[in-house]
Amino acid sequence: MRQIVLDTETTGLEVGQGHRIIEIGCVEIVNRRVTGRVFHRYLNPERDIDEGAQAVHGLSHAELRSEPKFAEVAAEFCEFIADAELVIHNAPFDVGFVNAELERAGLDARIDLQGRVLDTLTLARRMHPGQRNGLDALCKRYSVDDSRREFHGALLDAHLLAEVYLAMTGGQANLGLGAQTDGESAQAVAAIRPTMAARRALTVRHADSAELAAHERVLTLIDKASGGATVWRAS
């Protein structure tokens, strides 16, 4: 399964007031592994940037005047996200801005119609009702290092969201072997197997009634927080 974690920075908060995208960042995930492929562009918004927005991302119009306009990178962007599920935090905001830019560029495309969009803010609110679910809060909750985040940045935030999303939904499935070549993976497995075969049979210790009851209480809490999506019980 191919997913694209997407984030944008903009000149202001309201797309209906003509605000534009000034940075777009995308991180590719394939089969729950961050592949290292990214799409990242700074953009000339062709308008001023609100002071409040600049305080958040630290980008000025003067810095962006020499950058390409969205229309100049639109085709490359659409090719990068094609046939992928989009993973976005507070998806209506970014989707609205990207769709407006695509329309302005004369492209008959809407990213929310090309494939499924997964809103991690909606997911987080369902999993953690009544708690803070901004990206900073989620990084702390899932022990994702966001110490580099002095300002918001589209690519940095997309990387952070990718880590948070994988942690929220069960972790990265490849356990770190995905970066190896097939030959390296085979050597690693070959080295592990003799050690495993040499182990003696393990003693199985079954849980007593008090431990089973405690486990059931934890499952009930998880079930409540996840809206009935407890994997242990489903299996």
C-alpha atoms as a PDB file:
ATOM      1  CA  MET A   1       0.000   0.000   0.000  1.00  0.00           C
ATOM      2  CA  ARG A   2       1.366   3.409  -0.973  1.00  0.00           C
ATOM      3  CA  GLN A   3       0.629   6.457   1.177  1.00  0.00           C
ATOM      4  CA  ILE A   4       1.764  10.069   0.969  1.00  0.00           C
ATOM      5  CA  VAL A   5       1.995  12.163   4.130  1.00  0.00           C
ATOM      6  CA  LEU A   6       1.324  15.754   3.059  1.00  0.00           C
ATOM      7  CA  ASP A   7       1.664  19.134   4.728  1.00  0.00           C
ATOM      8  CA  THR A   8       1.581  22.752   3.544  1.00  0.00           C
ATOM      9  CA  GLU A   9       2.504  26.204   4.805  1.00  0.00           C
ATOM     10  CA  THR A  10       0.444  29.150   3.590  1.00  0.00           C
ATOM     11  CA  THR A  11       0.258  32.938   3.486  1.00  0.00           C
ATOM     12  CA  GLY A  12      -2.760  32.914   5.815  1.00  0.00           C
ATOM     13  CA  LEU A  13      -5.558  30.810   7.204  1.00  0.00           C
ATOM     14  CA  GLU A  14      -8.424  31.434   4.794  1.00  0.00           C
ATOM     15  CA  VAL A  15      -8.255  29.988   1.287  1.00  0.00           C
ATOM     16  CA  GLY A  16     -11.465  31.880   0.495  1.00  0.00           C
ATOM     17  CA  GLN A  17      -9.596  35.164   1.022  1.00  0.00           C
ATOM     18  CA  GLY A  18      -7.094  34.334  -1.693  1.00  0.00           C
ATOM     19  CA  HIS A  19      -4.338  33.013   0.544  1.00  0.00           C
ATOM     20  CA  ARG A  20      -1.784  30.791  -1.177  1.00  0.00           C
ATOM     21  CA  ILE A  21       0.557  27.873  -0.498  1.00  0.00           C
ATOM     22  CA  ILE A  22       4.188  28.879   0.071  1.00  0.00           C
ATOM     23  CA  GLU A  23       5.622  25.444   0.929  1.00  0.00           C
ATOM     24  CA  ILE A  24       4.487  21.915   0.253  1.00  0.00           C
ATOM     25  CA  GLY A  25       6.088  18.773   1.648  1.00  0.00           C
ATOM     26  CA  CYS A  26       5.266  15.114   0.978  1.00  0.00           C
ATOM     27  CA  VAL A  27       6.785  11.946   2.453  1.00  0.00           C
ATOM     28  CA  GLU A  28       6.218   8.531   0.877  1.00  0.00           C
ATOM     29  CA  ILE A  29       5.238   5.453   2.896  1.00  0.00           C
ATOM     30  CA  VAL A  30       5.002   2.047   1.195  1.00  0.00           C
ATOM     31  CA  ASN A  31       3.698  -0.936   3.154  1.00  0.00           C
ATOM     32  CA  ARG A  32       4.151   1.013   6.409  1.00  0.00           C
ATOM     33  CA  ARG A  33       7.783   1.870   5.669  1.00  0.00           C
ATOM     34  CA  VAL A  34       9.075   5.406   5.126  1.00  0.00           C
ATOM     35  CA  THR A  35      10.925   4.994   1.840  1.00  0.00           C
ATOM     36  CA  GLY A  36      13.004   8.176   1.815  1.00  0.00           C
ATOM     37  CA  ARG A  37      11.251   9.539  -1.305  1.00  0.00           C
ATOM     38  CA  VAL A  38       9.926  13.059  -0.801  1.00  0.00           C
ATOM     39  CA  PHE A  39       8.407  15.918  -2.757  1.00  0.00           C
ATOM     40  CA  HIS A  40       9.345  19.338  -1.380  1.00  0.00           C
ATOM     41  CA  ARG A  41       9.009  22.794  -2.885  1.00  0.00           C
ATOM     42  CA  TYR A  42       9.041  26.380  -1.666  1.00  0.00           C
ATOM     43  CA  LEU A  43       6.675  28.492  -3.769  1.00  0.00           C
ATOM     44  CA  ASN A  44       6.249  32.099  -4.806  1.00  0.00           C
ATOM     45  CA  PRO A  45       2.733  32.963  -3.551  1.00  0.00           C
ATOM     46  CA  GLU A  46       2.473  36.109  -5.665  1.00  0.00           C
ATOM     47  CA  ARG A  47       1.049  37.992  -2.684  1.00  0.00           C
ATOM     48  CA  ASP A  48       1.956  39.227   0.790  1.00  0.00           C
ATOM     49  CA  ILE A  49       2.124  36.922   3.819  1.00  0.00           C
ATOM     50  CA  ASP A  50       0.072  37.652   6.935  1.00  0.00           C
ATOM     51  CA  GLU A  51       2.185  38.557   9.978  1.00  0.00           C
ATOM     52  CA  GLY A  52       0.550  35.819  12.024  1.00  0.00           C
ATOM     53  CA  ALA A  53       1.357  33.174   9.425  1.00  0.00           C
ATOM     54  CA  GLN A  54       4.956  34.378   9.096  1.00  0.00           C
ATOM     55  CA  ALA A  55       5.378  34.094  12.855  1.00  0.00           C
ATOM     56  CA  VAL A  56       4.414  30.419  12.577  1.00  0.00           C
ATOM     57  CA  HIS A  57       6.579  29.314   9.640  1.00  0.00           C
ATOM     58  CA  GLY A  58       9.236  32.064   9.525  1.00  0.00           C
ATOM     59  CA  LEU A  59       9.047  32.531   5.743  1.00  0.00           C
ATOM     60  CA  SER A  60       8.866  35.995   4.167  1.00  0.00           C
ATOM     61  CA  HIS A  61       7.626  37.058   0.751  1.00  0.00           C
ATOM     62  CA  ALA A  62      11.077  38.466  -0.067  1.00  0.00           C
ATOM     63  CA  GLU A  63      12.650  35.016   0.484  1.00  0.00           C
ATOM     64  CA  LEU A  64      10.117  33.358  -1.816  1.00  0.00           C
ATOM     65  CA  ARG A  65      10.106  35.715  -4.801  1.00  0.00           C
ATOM     66  CA  SER A  66      12.684  33.642  -6.685  1.00  0.00           C
ATOM     67  CA  GLU A  67      10.903  30.335  -6.032  1.00  0.00           C
ATOM     68  CA  PRO A  68       8.663  28.695  -8.671  1.00  0.00           C
ATOM     69  CA  LYS A  69       4.942  29.336  -8.780  1.00  0.00           C
ATOM     70  CA  PHE A  70       2.634  26.449  -7.941  1.00  0.00           C
ATOM     71  CA  ALA A  71       1.547  26.086 -11.572  1.00  0.00           C
ATOM     72  CA  GLU A  72       5.173  25.365 -12.511  1.00  0.00           C
ATOM     73  CA  VAL A  73       5.405  22.336 -10.179  1.00  0.00           C
ATOM     74  CA  ALA A  74       1.766  21.196 -10.277  1.00  0.00           C
ATOM     75  CA  ALA A  75       2.266  18.391 -12.814  1.00  0.00           C
ATOM     76  CA  GLU A  76       5.252  16.984 -10.902  1.00  0.00           C
ATOM     77  CA  PHE A  77       3.288  17.175  -7.648  1.00  0.00           C
ATOM     78  CA  CYS A  78       0.275  15.365  -9.133  1.00  0.00           C
ATOM     79  CA  GLU A  79       2.551  12.640 -10.491  1.00  0.00           C
ATOM     80  CA  PHE A  80       4.160  12.145  -7.075  1.00  0.00           C
ATOM     81  CA  ILE A  81       0.855  11.701  -5.219  1.00  0.00           C
ATOM     82  CA  ALA A  82      -0.901   9.693  -7.954  1.00  0.00           C
ATOM     83  CA  ASP A  83      -2.597   6.457  -6.824  1.00  0.00           C
ATOM     84  CA  ALA A  84      -1.665   7.013  -3.177  1.00  0.00           C
ATOM     85  CA  GLU A  85      -3.724   7.460  -0.042  1.00  0.00           C
ATOM     86  CA  LEU A  86      -3.046  10.914   1.409  1.00  0.00           C
ATOM     87  CA  VAL A  87      -2.323  11.171   5.140  1.00  0.00           C
ATOM     88  CA  ILE A  88      -2.917  14.744   6.355  1.00  0.00           C
ATOM     89  CA  HIS A  89      -3.339  16.347   9.789  1.00  0.00           C
ATOM     90  CA  ASN A  90      -6.454  18.549   9.714  1.00  0.00           C
ATOM     91  CA  ALA A  91      -7.065  17.483   6.128  1.00  0.00           C
ATOM     92  CA  PRO A  92      -9.804  20.021   5.199  1.00  0.00           C
ATOM     93  CA  PHE A  93      -7.283  22.871   5.573  1.00  0.00           C
ATOM     94  CA  ASP A  94      -4.554  21.442   3.310  1.00  0.00           C
ATOM     95  CA  VAL A  95      -6.982  19.850   0.852  1.00  0.00           C
ATOM     96  CA  GLY A  96      -8.779  23.176   0.409  1.00  0.00           C
ATOM     97  CA  PHE A  97      -5.544  25.021  -0.337  1.00  0.00           C
ATOM     98  CA  VAL A  98      -4.166  22.366  -2.703  1.00  0.00           C
ATOM     99  CA  ASN A  99      -7.442  22.122  -4.624  1.00  0.00           C
ATOM    100  CA  ALA A 100      -7.547  25.912  -4.991  1.00  0.00           C
ATOM    101  CA  GLU A 101      -3.984  25.940  -6.333  1.00  0.00           C
ATOM    102  CA  LEU A 102      -4.754  23.133  -8.803  1.00  0.00           C
ATOM    103  CA  GLU A 103      -7.813  25.020 -10.035  1.00  0.00           C
ATOM    104  CA  ARG A 104      -5.810  28.233 -10.334  1.00  0.00           C
ATOM    105  CA  ALA A 105      -3.216  26.325 -12.381  1.00  0.00           C
ATOM    106  CA  GLY A 106      -5.948  25.242 -14.799  1.00  0.00           C
ATOM    107  CA  LEU A 107      -5.845  21.569 -13.817  1.00  0.00           C
ATOM    108  CA  ASP A 108      -9.076  19.604 -13.603  1.00  0.00           C
ATOM    109  CA  ALA A 109      -8.069  17.800 -10.433  1.00  0.00           C
ATOM    110  CA  ARG A 110      -9.069  17.575  -6.788  1.00  0.00           C
ATOM    111  CA  ILE A 111      -6.836  15.630  -4.423  1.00  0.00           C
ATOM    112  CA  ASP A 112      -9.789  14.528  -2.310  1.00  0.00           C
ATOM    113  CA  LEU A 113     -11.370  12.893  -5.366  1.00  0.00           C
ATOM    114  CA  GLN A 114      -8.255  11.166  -6.738  1.00  0.00           C
ATOM    115  CA  GLY A 115      -7.934   8.788  -3.807  1.00  0.00           C
ATOM    116  CA  ARG A 116      -8.728   8.325  -0.169  1.00  0.00           C
ATOM    117  CA  VAL A 117      -7.690  11.036   2.306  1.00  0.00           C
ATOM    118  CA  LEU A 118      -6.958   9.962   5.878  1.00  0.00           C
ATOM    119  CA  ASP A 119      -7.262  12.810   8.399  1.00  0.00           C
ATOM    120  CA  THR A 120      -4.969  12.041  11.342  1.00  0.00           C
ATOM    121  CA  LEU A 121      -6.593  14.784  13.431  1.00  0.00           C
ATOM    122  CA  THR A 122      -9.950  12.999  13.176  1.00  0.00           C
ATOM    123  CA  LEU A 123      -8.197   9.711  13.979  1.00  0.00           C
ATOM    124  CA  ALA A 124      -6.424  11.225  16.987  1.00  0.00           C
ATOM    125  CA  ARG A 125      -9.624  12.743  18.355  1.00  0.00           C
ATOM    126  CA  ARG A 126     -11.301   9.362  18.123  1.00  0.00           C
ATOM    127  CA  MET A 127      -8.389   7.634  19.853  1.00  0.00           C
ATOM    128  CA  HIS A 128      -7.766  10.363  22.469  1.00  0.00           C
ATOM    129  CA  PRO A 129     -11.092  12.111  23.143  1.00  0.00           C
ATOM    130  CA  GLY A 130     -10.912  15.248  25.246  1.00  0.00           C
ATOM    131  CA  GLN A 131      -7.126  15.551  24.874  1.00  0.00           C
ATOM    132  CA  ARG A 132      -4.914  17.907  22.872  1.00  0.00           C
ATOM    133  CA  ASN A 133      -4.325  16.399  19.455  1.00  0.00           C
ATOM    134  CA  GLY A 134      -2.178  18.922  17.616  1.00  0.00           C
ATOM    135  CA  LEU A 135       1.030  17.624  16.056  1.00  0.00           C
ATOM    136  CA  ASP A 136       3.167  18.870  18.969  1.00  0.00           C
ATOM    137  CA  ALA A 137       0.967  17.066  21.478  1.00  0.00           C
ATOM    138  CA  LEU A 138       0.974  13.867  19.436  1.00  0.00           C
ATOM    139  CA  CYS A 139       4.768  13.949  19.120  1.00  0.00           C
ATOM    140  CA  LYS A 140       5.029  14.084  22.900  1.00  0.00           C
ATOM    141  CA  ARG A 141       2.393  11.382  23.376  1.00  0.00           C
ATOM    142  CA  TYR A 142       4.126   8.976  20.986  1.00  0.00           C
ATOM    143  CA  SER A 143       7.730   9.932  21.902  1.00  0.00           C
ATOM    144  CA  VAL A 144       8.526  11.384  18.469  1.00  0.00           C
ATOM    145  CA  ASP A 145      11.461  13.807  18.644  1.00  0.00           C
ATOM    146  CA  ASP A 146      10.296  17.229  17.446  1.00  0.00           C
ATOM    147  CA  SER A 147      13.184  19.210  18.939  1.00  0.00           C
ATOM    148  CA  ARG A 148      14.106  20.570  15.472  1.00  0.00           C
ATOM    149  CA  ARG A 149      10.681  22.210  15.137  1.00  0.00           C
ATOM    150  CA  GLU A 150      11.559  25.821  15.996  1.00  0.00           C
ATOM    151  CA  PHE A 151       9.214  26.908  13.186  1.00  0.00           C
ATOM    152  CA  HIS A 152       6.555  24.972  11.324  1.00  0.00           C
ATOM    153  CA  GLY A 153       7.876  23.601   8.034  1.00  0.00           C
ATOM    154  CA  ALA A 154       5.958  21.518   5.528  1.00  0.00           C
ATOM    155  CA  LEU A 155       8.591  18.829   4.943  1.00  0.00           C
ATOM    156  CA  LEU A 156       9.673  18.617   8.582  1.00  0.00           C
ATOM    157  CA  ASP A 157       6.055  18.400   9.728  1.00  0.00           C
ATOM    158  CA  ALA A 158       5.320  15.724   7.098  1.00  0.00           C
ATOM    159  CA  HIS A 159       8.237  13.657   8.440  1.00  0.00           C
ATOM    160  CA  LEU A 160       7.012  14.091  12.024  1.00  0.00           C
ATOM    161  CA  LEU A 161       3.449  13.212  11.044  1.00  0.00           C
ATOM    162  CA  ALA A 162       4.657  10.074   9.249  1.00  0.00           C
ATOM    163  CA  GLU A 163       6.322   8.896  12.477  1.00  0.00           C
ATOM    164  CA  VAL A 164       3.272   9.812  14.557  1.00  0.00           C
ATOM    165  CA  TYR A 165       0.879   8.121  12.138  1.00  0.00           C
ATOM    166  CA  LEU A 166       2.869   4.868  12.147  1.00  0.00           C
ATOM    167  CA  ALA A 167       3.027   4.937  15.948  1.00  0.00           C
ATOM    168  CA  MET A 168      -0.689   5.683  16.243  1.00  0.00           C
ATOM    169  CA  THR A 169      -1.620   2.809  13.964  1.00  0.00           C
ATOM    170  CA  GLY A 170       0.673   0.127  15.267  1.00  0.00           C
ATOM    171  CA  GLY A 171       4.276   0.996  14.437  1.00  0.00           C
ATOM    172  CA  GLN A 172       6.545   0.506  11.457  1.00  0.00           C
ATOM    173  CA  ALA A 173       6.026  -3.005  10.147  1.00  0.00           C
ATOM    174  CA  ASN A 174       9.455  -3.689   8.692  1.00  0.00           C
ATOM    175  CA  LEU A 175      11.337  -3.369  12.032  1.00  0.00           C
ATOM    176  CA  GLY A 176      14.154  -1.474  10.365  1.00  0.00           C
ATOM    177  CA  LEU A 177      15.066  -4.117   7.771  1.00  0.00           C
ATOM    178  CA  GLY A 178      13.484  -2.209   4.892  1.00  0.00           C
ATOM    179  CA  ALA A 179      16.578  -0.067   4.342  1.00  0.00           C
ATOM    180  CA  GLN A 180      18.683  -3.161   3.633  1.00  0.00           C
ATOM    181  CA  THR A 181      19.127  -4.785   0.267  1.00  0.00           C
ATOM    182  CA  ASP A 182      17.672  -8.256  -0.313  1.00  0.00           C
ATOM    183  CA  GLY A 183      21.155  -9.743   0.058  1.00  0.00           C
ATOM    184  CA  GLU A 184      21.818  -7.932   3.311  1.00  0.00           C
ATOM    185  CA  SER A 185      18.431  -8.997   4.693  1.00  0.00           C
ATOM    186  CA  ALA A 186      19.111 -12.627   3.743  1.00  0.00           C
ATOM    187  CA  GLN A 187      22.500 -12.506   5.494  1.00  0.00           C
ATOM    188  CA  ALA A 188      20.902 -11.027   8.600  1.00  0.00           C
ATOM    189  CA  VAL A 189      18.248 -13.748   8.698  1.00  0.00           C
ATOM    190  CA  ALA A 190      20.874 -16.465   8.105  1.00  0.00           C
ATOM    191  CA  ALA A 191      22.917 -15.141  11.022  1.00  0.00           C
ATOM    192  CA  ILE A 192      19.904 -15.116  13.321  1.00  0.00           C
ATOM    193  CA  ARG A 193      18.568 -18.600  12.538  1.00  0.00           C
ATOM    194  CA  PRO A 194      21.441 -20.643  14.093  1.00  0.00           C
ATOM    195  CA  THR A 195      21.094 -18.664  17.310  1.00  0.00           C
ATOM    196  CA  MET A 196      17.358 -19.294  17.380  1.00  0.00           C
ATOM    197  CA  ALA A 197      17.786 -22.992  16.661  1.00  0.00           C
ATOM    198  CA  ALA A 198      20.329 -23.350  19.463  1.00  0.00           C
ATOM    199  CA  ARG A 199      17.977 -22.022  22.103  1.00  0.00           C
ATOM    200  CA  ARG A 200      16.497 -24.430  24.586  1.00  0.00           C
ATOM    201  CA  ALA A 201      12.745 -24.792  24.895  1.00  0.00           C
ATOM    202  CA  LEU A 202      11.298 -21.944  26.901  1.00  0.00           C
ATOM    203  CA  THR A 203       9.289 -22.472  30.054  1.00  0.00           C
ATOM    204  CA  VAL A 204       5.732 -21.196  29.573  1.00  0.00           C
ATOM    205  CA  ARG A 205       4.319 -19.388  32.569  1.00  0.00           C
ATOM    206  CA  HIS A 206       0.557 -18.835  32.393  1.00  0.00           C
ATOM    207  CA  ALA A 207      -1.114 -15.745  33.852  1.00  0.00           C
ATOM    208  CA  ASP A 208      -3.001 -16.200  37.126  1.00  0.00           C
ATOM    209  CA  SER A 209      -6.543 -14.939  37.704  1.00  0.00           C
ATOM    210  CA  ALA A 210      -5.428 -11.559  39.105  1.00  0.00           C
ATOM    211  CA  GLU A 211      -3.175 -10.929  36.096  1.00  0.00           C
ATOM    212  CA  LEU A 212      -5.942 -11.923  33.689  1.00  0.00           C
ATOM    213  CA  ALA A 213      -8.348  -9.530  35.407  1.00  0.00           C
ATOM    214  CA  ALA A 214      -5.805  -6.686  35.219  1.00  0.00           C
ATOM    215  CA  HIS A 215      -5.244  -7.435  31.543  1.00  0.00           C
ATOM    216  CA  GLU A 216      -8.989  -7.320  30.899  1.00  0.00           C
ATOM    217  CA  ARG A 217      -9.238  -3.910  32.600  1.00  0.00           C
ATOM    218  CA  VAL A 218      -6.495  -2.528  30.348  1.00  0.00           C
ATOM    219  CA  LEU A 219      -8.227  -3.932  27.270  1.00  0.00           C
ATOM    220  CA  THR A 220     -11.447  -2.226  28.328  1.00  0.00           C
ATOM    221  CA  LEU A 221      -9.641   1.132  28.583  1.00  0.00           C
ATOM    222  CA  ILE A 222      -8.019   0.646  25.166  1.00  0.00           C
ATOM    223  CA  ASP A 223     -11.367  -0.399  23.683  1.00  0.00           C
ATOM    224  CA  LYS A 224     -12.999   2.757  25.009  1.00  0.00           C
ATOM    225  CA  ALA A 225     -10.207   5.050  23.763  1.00  0.00           C
ATOM    226  CA  SER A 226     -10.060   3.481  20.302  1.00  0.00           C
ATOM    227  CA  GLY A 227     -13.779   3.357  19.695  1.00  0.00           C
ATOM    228  CA  GLY A 228     -13.974  -0.442  19.839  1.00  0.00           C
ATOM    229  CA  ALA A 229     -10.897  -1.095  17.684  1.00  0.00           C
ATOM    230  CA  THR A 230      -8.921  -3.205  20.163  1.00  0.00           C
ATOM    231  CA  VAL A 231      -6.767  -5.516  18.021  1.00  0.00           C
ATOM    232  CA  TRP A 232      -6.292  -8.100  20.807  1.00  0.00           C
ATOM    233  CA  ARG A 233     -10.028  -8.708  21.107  1.00  0.00           C
ATOM    234  CA  ALA A 234     -10.589  -8.652  17.361  1.00  0.00           C
ATOM    235  CA  SER A 235      -8.012 -11.418  16.920  1.00  0.00           C
END
